[in-house]
Amino acid sequence: MEISGLISAIVIGAVIGILGRLVVPGRQRIGVLWTIVVGIIAALVGTAVAEGLDVADTEGVDWAEWLIQIGLAALGVAALSRVKLRR
């Protein structure tokens, strides 16, 4: 992976993580770095799921892929926030 690919993965992961965090109601007790990490993981897993469902490469904006990624990020943020809350 080239440096430009790594930087774009971080930026897209941050956007997905922030959007996922906005979807979850209430206050999340995780930091910005955890939000980015959850977003990157959600983006990678969401792309794989979208490819499996054959909705990844469509004409124009891949809305289904974005929704899957944001949904996974919201689940990840909620789960991580709940784990952090227990501690």
Foldseek 3Di string as FASTA:
>chain_A
DDPVVVVVLQVQLLVLLVLLVVVADDDFPDDSVQSSVLSSVLLVVLLVVCVVVPQNDDPDDSVSSSVSSSPSSNVSRVVVSVVVVVD
